Amino acid sequence: MSSAQLDTVTAQALQLSADERAELIERLVGSVSAGLHPAWEAELQARLDEMEAAPENSLPAGEVFQQLRQQLHEELPPRRA
């Protein structure tokens, strides 16, 4: 799958309700969890449980990435030409 296709799928997923996104996450995690270390499985389940318990505390991925980009930009020294 190309980067553009992943962007499209991500944009579509972000249009889902919090409950629908939680269901999608559960399905995706289930599709790869057979190969995960048990500690990662526990961490993923804990995060999913937290999101399901208080979906109003969730932020859209785009917003999270924007905040991270901003923090990274503020912490990096200016580039030299």
N, C-alpha and C. Protein backbone atom coordinates (compact mmCIF):
# COMPACT_ATOMS: atom_id res chain seq x y z
N MET A 1 0.86 -1.18 0.00
CA MET A 1 0.00 0.00 0.00
C MET A 1 0.89 1.23 0.00
N SER A 2 0.55 2.17 -0.82
CA SER A 2 1.36 3.39 -0.93
C SER A 2 1.08 4.33 0.23
N SER A 3 1.95 5.30 0.38
CA SER A 3 1.79 6.31 1.41
C SER A 3 0.49 7.09 1.21
N ALA A 4 0.17 7.38 -0.05
CA ALA A 4 -1.07 8.11 -0.34
C ALA A 4 -2.29 7.29 0.05
N GLN A 5 -2.23 5.99 -0.20
CA GLN A 5 -3.35 5.13 0.18
C GLN A 5 -3.49 5.07 1.71
N LEU A 6 -2.36 4.99 2.40
CA LEU A 6 -2.41 4.99 3.86
C LEU A 6 -2.98 6.30 4.39
N ASP A 7 -2.61 7.40 3.76
CA ASP A 7 -3.16 8.71 4.16
C ASP A 7 -4.67 8.72 3.98
N THR A 8 -5.15 8.14 2.88
CA THR A 8 -6.59 8.10 2.62
C THR A 8 -7.31 7.25 3.66
N VAL A 9 -6.75 6.08 3.95
CA VAL A 9 -7.35 5.20 4.95
C VAL A 9 -7.36 5.89 6.32
N THR A 10 -6.26 6.56 6.66
CA THR A 10 -6.17 7.26 7.93
C THR A 10 -7.22 8.36 8.02
N ALA A 11 -7.36 9.14 6.96
CA ALA A 11 -8.35 10.22 6.94
C ALA A 11 -9.75 9.66 7.12
N GLN A 12 -10.03 8.54 6.48
CA GLN A 12 -11.34 7.91 6.62
C GLN A 12 -11.55 7.42 8.05
N ALA A 13 -10.52 6.80 8.62
CA ALA A 13 -10.63 6.29 9.99
C ALA A 13 -10.87 7.42 10.99
N LEU A 14 -10.27 8.57 10.74
CA LEU A 14 -10.44 9.70 11.66
C LEU A 14 -11.85 10.28 11.61
N GLN A 15 -12.60 9.94 10.59
CA GLN A 15 -13.99 10.40 10.49
C GLN A 15 -14.94 9.53 11.32
N LEU A 16 -14.45 8.40 11.80
CA LEU A 16 -15.27 7.50 12.61
C LEU A 16 -15.49 8.09 14.01
N SER A 17 -16.54 7.63 14.64
CA SER A 17 -16.79 8.04 16.04
C SER A 17 -15.73 7.39 16.93
N ALA A 18 -15.63 7.84 18.16
CA ALA A 18 -14.66 7.27 19.11
C ALA A 18 -14.90 5.78 19.29
N ASP A 19 -16.16 5.38 19.39
CA ASP A 19 -16.48 3.95 19.54
C ASP A 19 -16.06 3.15 18.31
N GLU A 20 -16.30 3.71 17.14
CA GLU A 20 -15.92 3.02 15.90
C GLU A 20 -14.39 2.92 15.78
N ARG A 21 -13.69 3.99 16.18
CA ARG A 21 -12.23 3.95 16.13
C ARG A 21 -11.69 2.92 17.12
N ALA A 22 -12.30 2.82 18.28
CA ALA A 22 -11.88 1.82 19.26
C ALA A 22 -12.08 0.42 18.71
N GLU A 23 -13.19 0.19 18.03
CA GLU A 23 -13.44 -1.11 17.41
C GLU A 23 -12.41 -1.40 16.33
N LEU A 24 -12.10 -0.38 15.52
CA LEU A 24 -11.10 -0.54 14.47
C LEU A 24 -9.73 -0.87 15.07
N ILE A 25 -9.37 -0.16 16.12
CA ILE A 25 -8.10 -0.42 16.80
C ILE A 25 -8.06 -1.86 17.30
N GLU A 26 -9.14 -2.29 17.91
CA GLU A 26 -9.21 -3.65 18.43
C GLU A 26 -9.01 -4.66 17.31
N ARG A 27 -9.65 -4.43 16.18
CA ARG A 27 -9.51 -5.35 15.04
C ARG A 27 -8.08 -5.34 14.50
N LEU A 28 -7.50 -4.15 14.37
CA LEU A 28 -6.13 -4.06 13.85
C LEU A 28 -5.13 -4.72 14.80
N VAL A 29 -5.28 -4.44 16.09
CA VAL A 29 -4.38 -5.05 17.06
C VAL A 29 -4.54 -6.57 17.02
N GLY A 30 -5.77 -7.03 16.91
CA GLY A 30 -6.01 -8.47 16.83
C GLY A 30 -5.37 -9.11 15.62
N SER A 31 -5.22 -8.33 14.55
CA SER A 31 -4.63 -8.88 13.33
C SER A 31 -3.12 -9.04 13.43
N VAL A 32 -2.48 -8.34 14.37
CA VAL A 32 -1.02 -8.44 14.50
C VAL A 32 -0.58 -8.95 15.86
N SER A 33 -1.49 -9.10 16.79
CA SER A 33 -1.09 -9.41 18.16
C SER A 33 -0.48 -10.79 18.33
N ALA A 34 -0.72 -11.70 17.39
CA ALA A 34 -0.16 -13.04 17.53
C ALA A 34 1.37 -12.99 17.56
N GLY A 35 1.96 -12.00 16.92
CA GLY A 35 3.40 -11.90 16.89
C GLY A 35 3.98 -10.93 17.90
N LEU A 36 3.15 -10.34 18.74
CA LEU A 36 3.62 -9.35 19.70
C LEU A 36 4.08 -10.00 21.00
N HIS A 37 5.03 -9.37 21.61
CA HIS A 37 5.48 -9.79 22.94
C HIS A 37 4.33 -9.56 23.92
N PRO A 38 4.14 -10.43 24.88
CA PRO A 38 3.03 -10.27 25.84
C PRO A 38 3.00 -8.90 26.53
N ALA A 39 4.15 -8.31 26.78
CA ALA A 39 4.17 -6.99 27.42
C ALA A 39 3.55 -5.94 26.51
N TRP A 40 3.81 -6.05 25.19
CA TRP A 40 3.20 -5.11 24.24
C TRP A 40 1.71 -5.34 24.15
N GLU A 41 1.30 -6.59 24.17
CA GLU A 41 -0.14 -6.88 24.14
C GLU A 41 -0.83 -6.26 25.34
N ALA A 42 -0.20 -6.38 26.52
CA ALA A 42 -0.78 -5.80 27.74
C ALA A 42 -0.84 -4.28 27.64
N GLU A 43 0.19 -3.67 27.10
CA GLU A 43 0.21 -2.21 26.94
C GLU A 43 -0.89 -1.76 25.98
N LEU A 44 -1.01 -2.44 24.86
CA LEU A 44 -2.05 -2.10 23.89
C LEU A 44 -3.44 -2.25 24.49
N GLN A 45 -3.65 -3.32 25.23
CA GLN A 45 -4.95 -3.54 25.85
C GLN A 45 -5.25 -2.46 26.88
N ALA A 46 -4.24 -2.07 27.65
CA ALA A 46 -4.43 -1.02 28.65
C ALA A 46 -4.81 0.30 27.98
N ARG A 47 -4.15 0.62 26.87
CA ARG A 47 -4.47 1.86 26.16
C ARG A 47 -5.87 1.81 25.55
N LEU A 48 -6.23 0.66 25.02
CA LEU A 48 -7.57 0.51 24.46
C LEU A 48 -8.62 0.65 25.55
N ASP A 49 -8.39 0.01 26.68
CA ASP A 49 -9.32 0.11 27.81
C ASP A 49 -9.47 1.56 28.26
N GLU A 50 -8.35 2.29 28.31
CA GLU A 50 -8.38 3.69 28.72
C GLU A 50 -9.19 4.53 27.73
N MET A 51 -8.99 4.26 26.45
CA MET A 51 -9.72 5.02 25.43
C MET A 51 -11.22 4.71 25.49
N GLU A 52 -11.55 3.45 25.69
CA GLU A 52 -12.96 3.08 25.77
C GLU A 52 -13.62 3.66 27.01
N ALA A 53 -12.88 3.78 28.10
CA ALA A 53 -13.43 4.29 29.36
C ALA A 53 -13.70 5.79 29.29
N ALA A 54 -12.90 6.51 28.52
CA ALA A 54 -13.06 7.97 28.46
C ALA A 54 -12.73 8.47 27.05
N PRO A 55 -13.57 8.16 26.06
CA PRO A 55 -13.27 8.58 24.69
C PRO A 55 -13.19 10.09 24.53
N GLU A 56 -13.81 10.83 25.44
CA GLU A 56 -13.77 12.29 25.35
C GLU A 56 -12.36 12.84 25.61
N ASN A 57 -11.48 12.02 26.17
CA ASN A 57 -10.11 12.44 26.43
C ASN A 57 -9.19 12.17 25.24
N SER A 58 -9.71 11.53 24.21
CA SER A 58 -8.90 11.19 23.04
C SER A 58 -8.71 12.40 22.14
N LEU A 59 -7.59 12.42 21.46
CA LEU A 59 -7.31 13.46 20.47
C LEU A 59 -7.15 12.78 19.11
N PRO A 60 -7.59 13.43 18.06
CA PRO A 60 -7.36 12.88 16.73
C PRO A 60 -5.86 12.77 16.47
N ALA A 61 -5.47 11.73 15.74
CA ALA A 61 -4.04 11.50 15.46
C ALA A 61 -3.39 12.71 14.82
N GLY A 62 -4.08 13.36 13.89
CA GLY A 62 -3.51 14.52 13.22
C GLY A 62 -3.16 15.62 14.20
N GLU A 63 -4.00 15.80 15.20
CA GLU A 63 -3.73 16.82 16.22
C GLU A 63 -2.51 16.44 17.06
N VAL A 64 -2.42 15.17 17.41
CA VAL A 64 -1.28 14.70 18.19
C VAL A 64 0.01 14.89 17.41
N PHE A 65 0.00 14.49 16.13
CA PHE A 65 1.21 14.64 15.31
C PHE A 65 1.59 16.10 15.13
N GLN A 66 0.60 16.98 14.99
CA GLN A 66 0.88 18.40 14.86
C GLN A 66 1.54 18.94 16.13
N GLN A 67 1.03 18.52 17.28
CA GLN A 67 1.64 18.95 18.54
C GLN A 67 3.08 18.45 18.65
N LEU A 68 3.31 17.20 18.23
CA LEU A 68 4.66 16.64 18.29
C LEU A 68 5.60 17.38 17.34
N ARG A 69 5.11 17.68 16.12
CA ARG A 69 5.94 18.43 15.17
C ARG A 69 6.30 19.80 15.75
N GLN A 70 5.34 20.46 16.37
CA GLN A 70 5.57 21.77 16.95
C GLN A 70 6.61 21.68 18.07
N GLN A 71 6.47 20.68 18.95
CA GLN A 71 7.43 20.51 20.04
C GLN A 71 8.82 20.22 19.49
N LEU A 72 8.88 19.36 18.47
CA LEU A 72 10.17 19.03 17.88
C LEU A 72 10.80 20.26 17.25
N HIS A 73 10.00 21.04 16.54
CA HIS A 73 10.49 22.26 15.91
C HIS A 73 11.03 23.25 16.95
N GLU A 74 10.36 23.34 18.08
CA GLU A 74 10.78 24.27 19.14
C GLU A 74 12.07 23.82 19.80
N GLU A 75 12.33 22.50 19.82
CA GLU A 75 13.49 21.97 20.51
C GLU A 75 14.73 21.88 19.63
N LEU A 76 14.56 21.84 18.31
CA LEU A 76 15.70 21.70 17.42
C LEU A 76 16.36 23.05 17.17
N PRO A 77 17.69 23.06 17.10
CA PRO A 77 18.38 24.31 16.74
C PRO A 77 18.13 24.61 15.25
N PRO A 78 18.25 25.86 14.85
CA PRO A 78 18.06 26.20 13.44
C PRO A 78 19.06 25.47 12.56
N ARG A 79 18.64 25.13 11.34
CA ARG A 79 19.52 24.46 10.39
C ARG A 79 20.54 25.46 9.83
N ARG A 80 21.71 24.95 9.59
CA ARG A 80 22.74 25.78 8.97
C ARG A 80 22.66 25.62 7.47
N ALA A 81 22.84 26.71 6.75
CA ALA A 81 22.76 26.65 5.29
C ALA A 81 24.07 26.23 4.68
